[in-house]
Amino acid sequence: MTATGIIYVVLAIVVVVGGVLTATQGRNMFDVDNISAILTATSVLGFIAVGQTLVILAGSLDLSVPYVVSLSSLVGGGVMAGRSENVVQGVLAALLVSAAIGLVTGLLVTMLDVHGFVATLGMGLVVSGYLAVNYQGSSGSAPRDFQLIGITRVGIMPISTMIMLVVAGLVILLLRRTRLGHHLYAVGGNREVARMSGIRTALPVITAHVLCSTLAGMAGLLLLARLSVGSPTIGSQGRYDLLSIAAVVLGGSLLAGGKGTIVGTLGGVAIFAVLDSIMGVMSVNAFLKDVIRGLVIVLAVAVYARRSMARRPARFDRPTGVKAVLKEAP
């Protein structure tokens, strides 16, 4: 079974166990409202995790996403200022600012050869400082028309989740059907080999960072729609940097780059959403929630590592070189 298959088997087990545990509390996990709440919870983390998958596939990392989320919500809310006629301008402004941050990060990683961890950590601190100096609390306002994106649903499916899945589908097509997507895997697998093969290694990495920041900006706009105001701390409070990386790893991607799928990442996001719902019903302590999340991640990585070791060919099954010649000689 593939890593993606394993993650969805785990998701099914978590759902079944969660249904039993919530039933002991007199709650129905499969209630329409609860399912809709779980799907809504996947929306924000889903946007960020899809973008994080791209940079991890390229062999990089992005720790600035929570601050981009906060900045996007503030820029969008500030431009909209509660007026419906400003919605388009607010969305464009938030996404352009987010993309610009990703572009700067991508240039730092490729042109100055700064590791993605360091480059995005530094960029995150810059944005965090800007937010702390210029915003002391909630700011801006989303008009009612824009807020509907965060609360409207079709059946049990929230509109926000539908948008996230459409974006995820487009990214899947990018990875599977385009030259850029193939180059992204190649660069993440081995940048030097990709360069020697004639691939311009800078473009895939820069594109991955731009898309990651843009998707984080979309997550910020979704939070703006749900809360109606922008917040300078909404991203850091959500811990979206660590949770998005955890969802990507849980989905079977290698942190070293070159291997992973968006479908697997979405499975990881869904597991975290279901776990949070279960722990919310069970009134689990906030610190214990982190312990459970950590155990899930460690167990998943351990299983993937063990499977990878099992697939490796035995090193000493057959004699090679001079020993093979001597053994086969008459």
C-alpha atoms as a PDB file:
ATOM      1  CA  MET A   1       0.000   0.000   0.000  1.00  0.00           C
ATOM      2  CA  THR A   2       1.221   3.477  -0.846  1.00  0.00           C
ATOM      3  CA  ALA A   3       1.787   6.195   1.746  1.00  0.00           C
ATOM      4  CA  THR A   4      -1.361   7.942   0.494  1.00  0.00           C
ATOM      5  CA  GLY A   5      -3.338   4.734   0.927  1.00  0.00           C
ATOM      6  CA  ILE A   6      -2.047   4.342   4.475  1.00  0.00           C
ATOM      7  CA  ILE A   7      -3.047   7.868   5.441  1.00  0.00           C
ATOM      8  CA  TYR A   8      -6.636   7.340   4.283  1.00  0.00           C
ATOM      9  CA  VAL A   9      -6.855   4.021   6.124  1.00  0.00           C
ATOM     10  CA  VAL A  10      -5.692   5.884   9.247  1.00  0.00           C
ATOM     11  CA  LEU A  11      -8.287   8.588   8.554  1.00  0.00           C
ATOM     12  CA  ALA A  12     -11.037   5.944   8.362  1.00  0.00           C
ATOM     13  CA  ILE A  13      -9.860   4.419  11.661  1.00  0.00           C
ATOM     14  CA  VAL A  14      -9.789   7.843  13.336  1.00  0.00           C
ATOM     15  CA  VAL A  15     -13.330   8.559  12.111  1.00  0.00           C
ATOM     16  CA  VAL A  16     -14.654   5.213  13.424  1.00  0.00           C
ATOM     17  CA  VAL A  17     -12.905   5.541  16.799  1.00  0.00           C
ATOM     18  CA  GLY A  18     -14.014   9.171  17.017  1.00  0.00           C
ATOM     19  CA  GLY A  19     -17.611   8.162  16.362  1.00  0.00           C
ATOM     20  CA  VAL A  20     -17.487   5.688  19.242  1.00  0.00           C
ATOM     21  CA  LEU A  21     -15.809   8.118  21.651  1.00  0.00           C
ATOM     22  CA  THR A  22     -18.211  10.963  20.894  1.00  0.00           C
ATOM     23  CA  ALA A  23     -21.155   8.572  21.304  1.00  0.00           C
ATOM     24  CA  THR A  24     -20.003   7.911  24.874  1.00  0.00           C
ATOM     25  CA  GLN A  25     -20.472  11.643  25.488  1.00  0.00           C
ATOM     26  CA  GLY A  26     -24.003  11.566  24.110  1.00  0.00           C
ATOM     27  CA  ARG A  27     -22.959  13.294  20.877  1.00  0.00           C
ATOM     28  CA  ASN A  28     -23.276  12.214  17.254  1.00  0.00           C
ATOM     29  CA  MET A  29     -20.064  12.831  15.348  1.00  0.00           C
ATOM     30  CA  PHE A  30     -21.879  12.293  12.054  1.00  0.00           C
ATOM     31  CA  ASP A  31     -24.400  15.022  12.718  1.00  0.00           C
ATOM     32  CA  VAL A  32     -24.727  17.361   9.727  1.00  0.00           C
ATOM     33  CA  ASP A  33     -23.596  20.410  11.694  1.00  0.00           C
ATOM     34  CA  ASN A  34     -20.579  18.584  13.123  1.00  0.00           C
ATOM     35  CA  ILE A  35     -19.486  17.266   9.730  1.00  0.00           C
ATOM     36  CA  SER A  36     -19.854  20.764   8.298  1.00  0.00           C
ATOM     37  CA  ALA A  37     -17.734  22.129  11.166  1.00  0.00           C
ATOM     38  CA  ILE A  38     -15.009  19.553  10.466  1.00  0.00           C
ATOM     39  CA  LEU A  39     -15.016  20.418   6.768  1.00  0.00           C
ATOM     40  CA  THR A  40     -14.814  24.117   7.608  1.00  0.00           C
ATOM     41  CA  ALA A  41     -11.812  23.406   9.830  1.00  0.00           C
ATOM     42  CA  THR A  42     -10.035  21.783   6.882  1.00  0.00           C
ATOM     43  CA  SER A  43     -10.404  24.900   4.737  1.00  0.00           C
ATOM     44  CA  VAL A  44      -7.865  27.261   6.314  1.00  0.00           C
ATOM     45  CA  LEU A  45      -5.259  24.597   7.098  1.00  0.00           C
ATOM     46  CA  GLY A  46      -5.927  23.007   3.716  1.00  0.00           C
ATOM     47  CA  PHE A  47      -4.965  26.156   1.800  1.00  0.00           C
ATOM     48  CA  ILE A  48      -1.755  26.541   3.789  1.00  0.00           C
ATOM     49  CA  ALA A  49      -0.820  22.862   3.711  1.00  0.00           C
ATOM     50  CA  VAL A  50      -1.241  22.657  -0.064  1.00  0.00           C
ATOM     51  CA  GLY A  51       1.169  25.573  -0.444  1.00  0.00           C
ATOM     52  CA  GLN A  52       3.531  24.063   2.111  1.00  0.00           C
ATOM     53  CA  THR A  53       3.544  20.843   0.085  1.00  0.00           C
ATOM     54  CA  LEU A  54       4.866  22.729  -2.925  1.00  0.00           C
ATOM     55  CA  VAL A  55       7.834  24.253  -1.099  1.00  0.00           C
ATOM     56  CA  ILE A  56       8.639  20.969   0.642  1.00  0.00           C
ATOM     57  CA  LEU A  57       8.552  19.144  -2.689  1.00  0.00           C
ATOM     58  CA  ALA A  58      11.090  21.706  -3.916  1.00  0.00           C
ATOM     59  CA  GLY A  59      13.352  20.889  -0.969  1.00  0.00           C
ATOM     60  CA  SER A  60      12.568  24.100   0.899  1.00  0.00           C
ATOM     61  CA  LEU A  61      10.314  25.134   3.792  1.00  0.00           C
ATOM     62  CA  ASP A  62       8.097  28.081   4.744  1.00  0.00           C
ATOM     63  CA  LEU A  63       7.820  29.241   8.356  1.00  0.00           C
ATOM     64  CA  SER A  64       6.421  32.663   7.459  1.00  0.00           C
ATOM     65  CA  VAL A  65       2.910  31.450   6.561  1.00  0.00           C
ATOM     66  CA  PRO A  66       1.185  32.376   9.873  1.00  0.00           C
ATOM     67  CA  TYR A  67       2.326  35.986   9.560  1.00  0.00           C
ATOM     68  CA  VAL A  68       1.302  36.107   5.908  1.00  0.00           C
ATOM     69  CA  VAL A  69      -2.134  34.864   6.982  1.00  0.00           C
ATOM     70  CA  SER A  70      -2.437  37.681   9.522  1.00  0.00           C
ATOM     71  CA  LEU A  71      -1.155  40.354   7.140  1.00  0.00           C
ATOM     72  CA  SER A  72      -3.508  39.197   4.389  1.00  0.00           C
ATOM     73  CA  SER A  73      -6.538  39.446   6.681  1.00  0.00           C
ATOM     74  CA  LEU A  74      -5.521  42.973   7.709  1.00  0.00           C
ATOM     75  CA  VAL A  75      -4.766  44.201   4.191  1.00  0.00           C
ATOM     76  CA  GLY A  76      -7.973  42.707   2.821  1.00  0.00           C
ATOM     77  CA  GLY A  77     -10.097  44.088   5.658  1.00  0.00           C
ATOM     78  CA  GLY A  78      -8.443  47.487   5.461  1.00  0.00           C
ATOM     79  CA  VAL A  79      -9.067  47.888   1.731  1.00  0.00           C
ATOM     80  CA  MET A  80     -12.624  46.545   1.905  1.00  0.00           C
ATOM     81  CA  ALA A  81     -13.501  48.785   4.874  1.00  0.00           C
ATOM     82  CA  GLY A  82     -16.912  47.136   5.141  1.00  0.00           C
ATOM     83  CA  ARG A  83     -17.973  48.187   1.635  1.00  0.00           C
ATOM     84  CA  SER A  84     -19.165  45.614  -0.906  1.00  0.00           C
ATOM     85  CA  GLU A  85     -17.804  47.571  -3.860  1.00  0.00           C
ATOM     86  CA  ASN A  86     -14.272  47.190  -2.450  1.00  0.00           C
ATOM     87  CA  VAL A  87     -14.277  43.395  -2.202  1.00  0.00           C
ATOM     88  CA  VAL A  88     -12.388  42.766  -5.449  1.00  0.00           C
ATOM     89  CA  GLN A  89      -9.759  45.401  -4.655  1.00  0.00           C
ATOM     90  CA  GLY A  90      -9.340  44.001  -1.143  1.00  0.00           C
ATOM     91  CA  VAL A  91      -8.864  40.430  -2.365  1.00  0.00           C
ATOM     92  CA  LEU A  92      -6.378  41.493  -5.043  1.00  0.00           C
ATOM     93  CA  ALA A  93      -4.403  43.672  -2.622  1.00  0.00           C
ATOM     94  CA  ALA A  94      -4.140  40.884  -0.044  1.00  0.00           C
ATOM     95  CA  LEU A  95      -3.054  38.293  -2.612  1.00  0.00           C
ATOM     96  CA  LEU A  96      -0.527  40.625  -4.270  1.00  0.00           C
ATOM     97  CA  VAL A  97       1.094  41.460  -0.922  1.00  0.00           C
ATOM     98  CA  SER A  98       1.225  37.753  -0.063  1.00  0.00           C
ATOM     99  CA  ALA A  99       2.718  36.846  -3.446  1.00  0.00           C
ATOM    100  CA  ALA A 100       5.339  39.608  -3.065  1.00  0.00           C
ATOM    101  CA  ILE A 101       6.468  38.112   0.240  1.00  0.00           C
ATOM    102  CA  GLY A 102       6.781  34.710  -1.416  1.00  0.00           C
ATOM    103  CA  LEU A 103       8.749  36.213  -4.289  1.00  0.00           C
ATOM    104  CA  VAL A 104      11.259  37.835  -1.939  1.00  0.00           C
ATOM    105  CA  THR A 105      11.638  34.583  -0.036  1.00  0.00           C
ATOM    106  CA  GLY A 106      12.115  32.609  -3.232  1.00  0.00           C
ATOM    107  CA  LEU A 107      14.807  35.003  -4.428  1.00  0.00           C
ATOM    108  CA  LEU A 108      16.619  34.718  -1.098  1.00  0.00           C
ATOM    109  CA  VAL A 109      16.603  30.934  -1.353  1.00  0.00           C
ATOM    110  CA  THR A 110      17.691  30.722  -4.984  1.00  0.00           C
ATOM    111  CA  MET A 111      19.845  33.774  -5.653  1.00  0.00           C
ATOM    112  CA  LEU A 112      21.593  34.060  -2.286  1.00  0.00           C
ATOM    113  CA  ASP A 113      21.481  30.326  -1.547  1.00  0.00           C
ATOM    114  CA  VAL A 114      19.896  30.890   1.867  1.00  0.00           C
ATOM    115  CA  HIS A 115      18.224  27.785   3.256  1.00  0.00           C
ATOM    116  CA  GLY A 116      14.441  27.956   3.160  1.00  0.00           C
ATOM    117  CA  PHE A 117      14.222  27.452   6.922  1.00  0.00           C
ATOM    118  CA  VAL A 118      16.403  30.504   7.603  1.00  0.00           C
ATOM    119  CA  ALA A 119      14.971  32.669   4.806  1.00  0.00           C
ATOM    120  CA  THR A 120      11.341  32.125   5.808  1.00  0.00           C
ATOM    121  CA  LEU A 121      12.112  32.422   9.511  1.00  0.00           C
ATOM    122  CA  GLY A 122      13.726  35.796   8.849  1.00  0.00           C
ATOM    123  CA  MET A 123      10.892  36.921   6.579  1.00  0.00           C
ATOM    124  CA  GLY A 124       8.378  35.823   9.195  1.00  0.00           C
ATOM    125  CA  LEU A 125      10.129  37.900  11.836  1.00  0.00           C
ATOM    126  CA  VAL A 126      10.117  40.931   9.527  1.00  0.00           C
ATOM    127  CA  VAL A 127       6.379  40.617   8.879  1.00  0.00           C
ATOM    128  CA  SER A 128       5.723  39.894  12.562  1.00  0.00           C
ATOM    129  CA  GLY A 129       7.589  43.063  13.542  1.00  0.00           C
ATOM    130  CA  TYR A 130       5.635  45.088  11.006  1.00  0.00           C
ATOM    131  CA  LEU A 131       2.361  43.752  12.394  1.00  0.00           C
ATOM    132  CA  ALA A 132       3.379  44.482  15.992  1.00  0.00           C
ATOM    133  CA  VAL A 133       4.380  48.073  15.211  1.00  0.00           C
ATOM    134  CA  ASN A 134       1.439  49.012  13.008  1.00  0.00           C
ATOM    135  CA  TYR A 135      -1.482  47.039  14.449  1.00  0.00           C
ATOM    136  CA  GLN A 136      -2.416  46.913  18.124  1.00  0.00           C
ATOM    137  CA  GLY A 137      -5.582  44.921  17.602  1.00  0.00           C
ATOM    138  CA  SER A 138      -8.272  43.993  15.101  1.00  0.00           C
ATOM    139  CA  SER A 139      -8.483  46.235  12.066  1.00  0.00           C
ATOM    140  CA  GLY A 140     -10.501  46.574   8.890  1.00  0.00           C
ATOM    141  CA  SER A 141     -13.918  45.162   8.177  1.00  0.00           C
ATOM    142  CA  ALA A 142     -15.371  42.654   5.725  1.00  0.00           C
ATOM    143  CA  PRO A 143     -18.746  43.501   4.150  1.00  0.00           C
ATOM    144  CA  ARG A 144     -21.670  41.140   4.582  1.00  0.00           C
ATOM    145  CA  ASP A 145     -21.366  39.881   0.988  1.00  0.00           C
ATOM    146  CA  PHE A 146     -17.805  38.715   1.643  1.00  0.00           C
ATOM    147  CA  GLN A 147     -18.669  37.184   5.012  1.00  0.00           C
ATOM    148  CA  LEU A 148     -21.077  34.814   3.267  1.00  0.00           C
ATOM    149  CA  ILE A 149     -18.057  32.902   1.902  1.00  0.00           C
ATOM    150  CA  GLY A 150     -17.177  31.857   5.431  1.00  0.00           C
ATOM    151  CA  ILE A 151     -20.668  30.807   6.565  1.00  0.00           C
ATOM    152  CA  THR A 152     -22.519  29.556   3.469  1.00  0.00           C
ATOM    153  CA  ARG A 153     -22.717  25.874   2.676  1.00  0.00           C
ATOM    154  CA  VAL A 154     -24.271  23.652   0.028  1.00  0.00           C
ATOM    155  CA  GLY A 155     -25.792  20.731   1.900  1.00  0.00           C
ATOM    156  CA  ILE A 156     -23.073  19.735   4.354  1.00  0.00           C
ATOM    157  CA  MET A 157     -20.267  21.174   2.214  1.00  0.00           C
ATOM    158  CA  PRO A 158     -19.135  24.706   3.143  1.00  0.00           C
ATOM    159  CA  ILE A 159     -18.353  27.037   0.245  1.00  0.00           C
ATOM    160  CA  SER A 160     -14.900  27.643   1.713  1.00  0.00           C
ATOM    161  CA  THR A 161     -14.086  23.922   1.574  1.00  0.00           C
ATOM    162  CA  MET A 162     -15.296  23.715  -2.026  1.00  0.00           C
ATOM    163  CA  ILE A 163     -12.984  26.582  -2.989  1.00  0.00           C
ATOM    164  CA  MET A 164     -10.075  24.914  -1.206  1.00  0.00           C
ATOM    165  CA  LEU A 165     -10.684  21.615  -3.009  1.00  0.00           C
ATOM    166  CA  VAL A 166     -10.852  23.374  -6.382  1.00  0.00           C
ATOM    167  CA  VAL A 167      -7.521  25.071  -5.661  1.00  0.00           C
ATOM    168  CA  ALA A 168      -6.039  21.741  -4.545  1.00  0.00           C
ATOM    169  CA  GLY A 169      -7.249  20.160  -7.789  1.00  0.00           C
ATOM    170  CA  LEU A 170      -5.562  22.870  -9.842  1.00  0.00           C
ATOM    171  CA  VAL A 171      -2.299  22.327  -7.947  1.00  0.00           C
ATOM    172  CA  ILE A 172      -2.553  18.581  -8.597  1.00  0.00           C
ATOM    173  CA  LEU A 173      -2.886  19.304 -12.315  1.00  0.00           C
ATOM    174  CA  LEU A 174       0.112  21.628 -12.078  1.00  0.00           C
ATOM    175  CA  LEU A 175       2.245  18.889 -10.534  1.00  0.00           C
ATOM    176  CA  ARG A 176       1.086  16.061 -12.788  1.00  0.00           C
ATOM    177  CA  ARG A 177       0.514  17.694 -16.167  1.00  0.00           C
ATOM    178  CA  THR A 178       2.971  20.548 -16.518  1.00  0.00           C
ATOM    179  CA  ARG A 179       6.695  20.810 -17.070  1.00  0.00           C
ATOM    180  CA  LEU A 180       6.966  23.101 -14.054  1.00  0.00           C
ATOM    181  CA  GLY A 181       5.451  20.418 -11.834  1.00  0.00           C
ATOM    182  CA  HIS A 182       7.863  17.761 -13.086  1.00  0.00           C
ATOM    183  CA  HIS A 183      10.777  20.141 -12.578  1.00  0.00           C
ATOM    184  CA  LEU A 184       9.588  20.793  -9.027  1.00  0.00           C
ATOM    185  CA  TYR A 185       9.918  17.110  -8.165  1.00  0.00           C
ATOM    186  CA  ALA A 186      13.279  16.897  -9.934  1.00  0.00           C
ATOM    187  CA  VAL A 187      14.743  19.898  -8.117  1.00  0.00           C
ATOM    188  CA  GLY A 188      13.498  18.631  -4.774  1.00  0.00           C
ATOM    189  CA  GLY A 189      14.920  15.186  -5.417  1.00  0.00           C
ATOM    190  CA  ASN A 190      18.411  16.411  -6.279  1.00  0.00           C
ATOM    191  CA  ARG A 191      19.004  20.023  -7.252  1.00  0.00           C
ATOM    192  CA  GLU A 192      22.496  19.436  -8.645  1.00  0.00           C
ATOM    193  CA  VAL A 193      21.408  16.532 -10.845  1.00  0.00           C
ATOM    194  CA  ALA A 194      18.438  18.594 -12.042  1.00  0.00           C
ATOM    195  CA  ARG A 195      20.771  21.477 -12.909  1.00  0.00           C
ATOM    196  CA  MET A 196      23.119  19.182 -14.827  1.00  0.00           C
ATOM    197  CA  SER A 197      20.090  17.834 -16.700  1.00  0.00           C
ATOM    198  CA  GLY A 198      19.401  21.300 -18.072  1.00  0.00           C
ATOM    199  CA  ILE A 199      16.645  22.352 -15.671  1.00  0.00           C
ATOM    200  CA  ARG A 200      16.601  25.967 -14.508  1.00  0.00           C
ATOM    201  CA  THR A 201      16.425  25.133 -10.836  1.00  0.00           C
ATOM    202  CA  ALA A 202      15.590  28.642  -9.606  1.00  0.00           C
ATOM    203  CA  LEU A 203      12.198  28.954 -11.321  1.00  0.00           C
ATOM    204  CA  PRO A 204      10.456  25.969  -9.651  1.00  0.00           C
ATOM    205  CA  VAL A 205      11.654  27.013  -6.192  1.00  0.00           C
ATOM    206  CA  ILE A 206      10.604  30.650  -6.629  1.00  0.00           C
ATOM    207  CA  THR A 207       7.234  29.590  -8.033  1.00  0.00           C
ATOM    208  CA  ALA A 208       6.671  27.226  -5.097  1.00  0.00           C
ATOM    209  CA  HIS A 209       7.322  30.003  -2.575  1.00  0.00           C
ATOM    210  CA  VAL A 210       5.122  32.493  -4.423  1.00  0.00           C
ATOM    211  CA  LEU A 211       2.253  29.988  -4.597  1.00  0.00           C
ATOM    212  CA  CYS A 212       2.720  29.010  -0.944  1.00  0.00           C
ATOM    213  CA  SER A 213       2.484  32.621   0.229  1.00  0.00           C
ATOM    214  CA  THR A 214      -0.453  33.300  -2.093  1.00  0.00           C
ATOM    215  CA  LEU A 215      -2.358  30.320  -0.694  1.00  0.00           C
ATOM    216  CA  ALA A 216      -1.560  31.512   2.827  1.00  0.00           C
ATOM    217  CA  GLY A 217      -3.033  34.853   1.748  1.00  0.00           C
ATOM    218  CA  MET A 218      -6.189  33.049   0.627  1.00  0.00           C
ATOM    219  CA  ALA A 219      -6.380  31.419   4.054  1.00  0.00           C
ATOM    220  CA  GLY A 220      -6.111  34.876   5.630  1.00  0.00           C
ATOM    221  CA  LEU A 221      -8.988  36.127   3.480  1.00  0.00           C
ATOM    222  CA  LEU A 222     -11.079  33.147   4.527  1.00  0.00           C
ATOM    223  CA  LEU A 223     -10.438  33.970   8.184  1.00  0.00           C
ATOM    224  CA  LEU A 224     -11.388  37.566   7.420  1.00  0.00           C
ATOM    225  CA  ALA A 225     -14.690  36.322   5.978  1.00  0.00           C
ATOM    226  CA  ARG A 226     -15.358  34.165   9.058  1.00  0.00           C
ATOM    227  CA  LEU A 227     -14.372  36.751  11.681  1.00  0.00           C
ATOM    228  CA  SER A 228     -15.447  39.887   9.727  1.00  0.00           C
ATOM    229  CA  VAL A 229     -12.281  41.724  10.876  1.00  0.00           C
ATOM    230  CA  GLY A 230      -8.555  41.353  10.273  1.00  0.00           C
ATOM    231  CA  SER A 231      -6.291  40.316  13.141  1.00  0.00           C
ATOM    232  CA  PRO A 232      -2.497  40.664  13.572  1.00  0.00           C
ATOM    233  CA  THR A 233      -2.324  37.482  15.681  1.00  0.00           C
ATOM    234  CA  ILE A 234      -4.804  35.146  13.993  1.00  0.00           C
ATOM    235  CA  GLY A 235      -2.072  33.314  12.080  1.00  0.00           C
ATOM    236  CA  SER A 236       0.354  32.796  14.947  1.00  0.00           C
ATOM    237  CA  GLN A 237      -2.468  31.763  17.294  1.00  0.00           C
ATOM    238  CA  GLY A 238      -3.474  29.090  14.810  1.00  0.00           C
ATOM    239  CA  ARG A 239       0.129  27.798  14.677  1.00  0.00           C
ATOM    240  CA  TYR A 240      -0.309  27.260  10.974  1.00  0.00           C
ATOM    241  CA  ASP A 241       3.410  26.948  10.277  1.00  0.00           C
ATOM    242  CA  LEU A 242       3.903  23.821  12.384  1.00  0.00           C
ATOM    243  CA  LEU A 243       0.468  22.350  11.674  1.00  0.00           C
ATOM    244  CA  SER A 244       0.869  22.731   7.910  1.00  0.00           C
ATOM    245  CA  ILE A 245       4.289  21.059   7.972  1.00  0.00           C
ATOM    246  CA  ALA A 246       2.865  18.317  10.177  1.00  0.00           C
ATOM    247  CA  ALA A 247      -0.040  17.738   7.768  1.00  0.00           C
ATOM    248  CA  VAL A 248       2.376  17.499   4.829  1.00  0.00           C
ATOM    249  CA  VAL A 249       4.623  15.011   6.651  1.00  0.00           C
ATOM    250  CA  LEU A 250       1.616  13.048   7.875  1.00  0.00           C
ATOM    251  CA  GLY A 251       0.451  12.888   4.256  1.00  0.00           C
ATOM    252  CA  GLY A 252       3.610  11.025   3.257  1.00  0.00           C
ATOM    253  CA  SER A 253       5.815  13.801   1.860  1.00  0.00           C
ATOM    254  CA  LEU A 254       9.538  13.769   2.541  1.00  0.00           C
ATOM    255  CA  LEU A 255      10.913  16.855   4.266  1.00  0.00           C
ATOM    256  CA  ALA A 256      14.060  16.406   2.161  1.00  0.00           C
ATOM    257  CA  GLY A 257      11.941  17.090  -0.934  1.00  0.00           C
ATOM    258  CA  GLY A 258      11.162  15.318  -4.173  1.00  0.00           C
ATOM    259  CA  LYS A 259       8.405  13.028  -2.910  1.00  0.00           C
ATOM    260  CA  GLY A 260       4.836  13.735  -1.871  1.00  0.00           C
ATOM    261  CA  THR A 261       1.299  14.319  -3.098  1.00  0.00           C
ATOM    262  CA  ILE A 262      -1.438  16.881  -2.551  1.00  0.00           C
ATOM    263  CA  VAL A 263      -3.952  14.067  -2.024  1.00  0.00           C
ATOM    264  CA  GLY A 264      -1.844  12.732   0.841  1.00  0.00           C
ATOM    265  CA  THR A 265      -1.569  16.200   2.357  1.00  0.00           C
ATOM    266  CA  LEU A 266      -5.350  16.628   2.274  1.00  0.00           C
ATOM    267  CA  GLY A 267      -5.626  13.332   4.136  1.00  0.00           C
ATOM    268  CA  GLY A 268      -3.268  14.678   6.796  1.00  0.00           C
ATOM    269  CA  VAL A 269      -5.327  17.871   7.075  1.00  0.00           C
ATOM    270  CA  ALA A 270      -8.524  15.835   7.462  1.00  0.00           C
ATOM    271  CA  ILE A 271      -6.994  13.719  10.245  1.00  0.00           C
ATOM    272  CA  PHE A 272      -6.078  16.835  12.225  1.00  0.00           C
ATOM    273  CA  ALA A 273      -9.561  18.299  11.692  1.00  0.00           C
ATOM    274  CA  VAL A 274     -11.258  15.108  12.895  1.00  0.00           C
ATOM    275  CA  LEU A 275      -8.898  14.779  15.870  1.00  0.00           C
ATOM    276  CA  ASP A 276      -9.580  18.379  16.902  1.00  0.00           C
ATOM    277  CA  SER A 277     -13.324  17.742  16.685  1.00  0.00           C
ATOM    278  CA  ILE A 278     -13.049  14.612  18.819  1.00  0.00           C
ATOM    279  CA  MET A 279     -10.831  16.286  21.401  1.00  0.00           C
ATOM    280  CA  GLY A 280     -13.186  19.256  21.523  1.00  0.00           C
ATOM    281  CA  VAL A 281     -16.142  16.991  22.338  1.00  0.00           C
ATOM    282  CA  MET A 282     -14.062  15.104  24.929  1.00  0.00           C
ATOM    283  CA  SER A 283     -12.911  18.426  26.480  1.00  0.00           C
ATOM    284  CA  VAL A 284      -9.270  17.385  26.195  1.00  0.00           C
ATOM    285  CA  ASN A 285      -6.726  19.717  27.797  1.00  0.00           C
ATOM    286  CA  ALA A 286      -4.993  22.012  25.277  1.00  0.00           C
ATOM    287  CA  PHE A 287      -1.533  20.696  26.217  1.00  0.00           C
ATOM    288  CA  LEU A 288      -2.703  17.098  25.863  1.00  0.00           C
ATOM    289  CA  LYS A 289      -4.005  17.947  22.384  1.00  0.00           C
ATOM    290  CA  ASP A 290      -0.455  18.834  21.332  1.00  0.00           C
ATOM    291  CA  VAL A 291       0.812  15.559  22.819  1.00  0.00           C
ATOM    292  CA  ILE A 292      -1.724  13.577  20.782  1.00  0.00           C
ATOM    293  CA  ARG A 293      -0.906  15.476  17.584  1.00  0.00           C
ATOM    294  CA  GLY A 294       2.795  14.881  18.161  1.00  0.00           C
ATOM    295  CA  LEU A 295       2.299  11.153  18.731  1.00  0.00           C
ATOM    296  CA  VAL A 296       0.296  10.852  15.518  1.00  0.00           C
ATOM    297  CA  ILE A 297       3.054  12.575  13.539  1.00  0.00           C
ATOM    298  CA  VAL A 298       5.852  10.502  15.080  1.00  0.00           C
ATOM    299  CA  LEU A 299       3.987   7.236  14.500  1.00  0.00           C
ATOM    300  CA  ALA A 300       3.253   8.172  10.881  1.00  0.00           C
ATOM    301  CA  VAL A 301       6.872   9.059  10.136  1.00  0.00           C
ATOM    302  CA  ALA A 302       8.054   5.871  11.868  1.00  0.00           C
ATOM    303  CA  VAL A 303       5.746   3.762   9.693  1.00  0.00           C
ATOM    304  CA  TYR A 304       6.930   5.476   6.496  1.00  0.00           C
ATOM    305  CA  ALA A 305      10.582   5.073   7.508  1.00  0.00           C
ATOM    306  CA  ARG A 306      10.109   1.384   8.290  1.00  0.00           C
ATOM    307  CA  ARG A 307       8.376   0.775   4.955  1.00  0.00           C
ATOM    308  CA  SER A 308      11.197   2.551   3.103  1.00  0.00           C
ATOM    309  CA  MET A 309      13.801   0.386   4.835  1.00  0.00           C
ATOM    310  CA  ALA A 310      11.833  -2.758   4.012  1.00  0.00           C
ATOM    311  CA  ARG A 311      11.837  -1.862   0.304  1.00  0.00           C
ATOM    312  CA  ARG A 312      15.619  -1.501   0.118  1.00  0.00           C
ATOM    313  CA  PRO A 313      17.355  -4.401  -1.626  1.00  0.00           C
ATOM    314  CA  ALA A 314      19.570  -6.579   0.524  1.00  0.00           C
ATOM    315  CA  ARG A 315      23.168  -5.464   0.287  1.00  0.00           C
ATOM    316  CA  PHE A 316      24.853  -8.860   0.613  1.00  0.00           C
ATOM    317  CA  ASP A 317      22.460 -11.245  -1.170  1.00  0.00           C
ATOM    318  CA  ARG A 318      24.757 -11.814  -4.103  1.00  0.00           C
ATOM    319  CA  PRO A 319      28.528 -11.491  -4.377  1.00  0.00           C
ATOM    320  CA  THR A 320      29.672  -8.738  -6.676  1.00  0.00           C
ATOM    321  CA  GLY A 321      32.887  -7.621  -8.316  1.00  0.00           C
ATOM    322  CA  VAL A 322      35.957  -9.855  -7.921  1.00  0.00           C
ATOM    323  CA  LYS A 323      34.174 -12.227  -5.530  1.00  0.00           C
ATOM    324  CA  ALA A 324      31.447 -12.882  -8.085  1.00  0.00           C
ATOM    325  CA  VAL A 325      34.022 -13.646 -10.801  1.00  0.00           C
ATOM    326  CA  LEU A 326      35.948 -16.049  -8.548  1.00  0.00           C
ATOM    327  CA  LYS A 327      32.778 -17.810  -7.419  1.00  0.00           C
ATOM    328  CA  GLU A 328      31.481 -18.364 -10.953  1.00  0.00           C
ATOM    329  CA  ALA A 329      34.876 -19.443 -12.325  1.00  0.00           C
ATOM    330  CA  PRO A 330      35.232 -23.184 -13.147  1.00  0.00           C
END
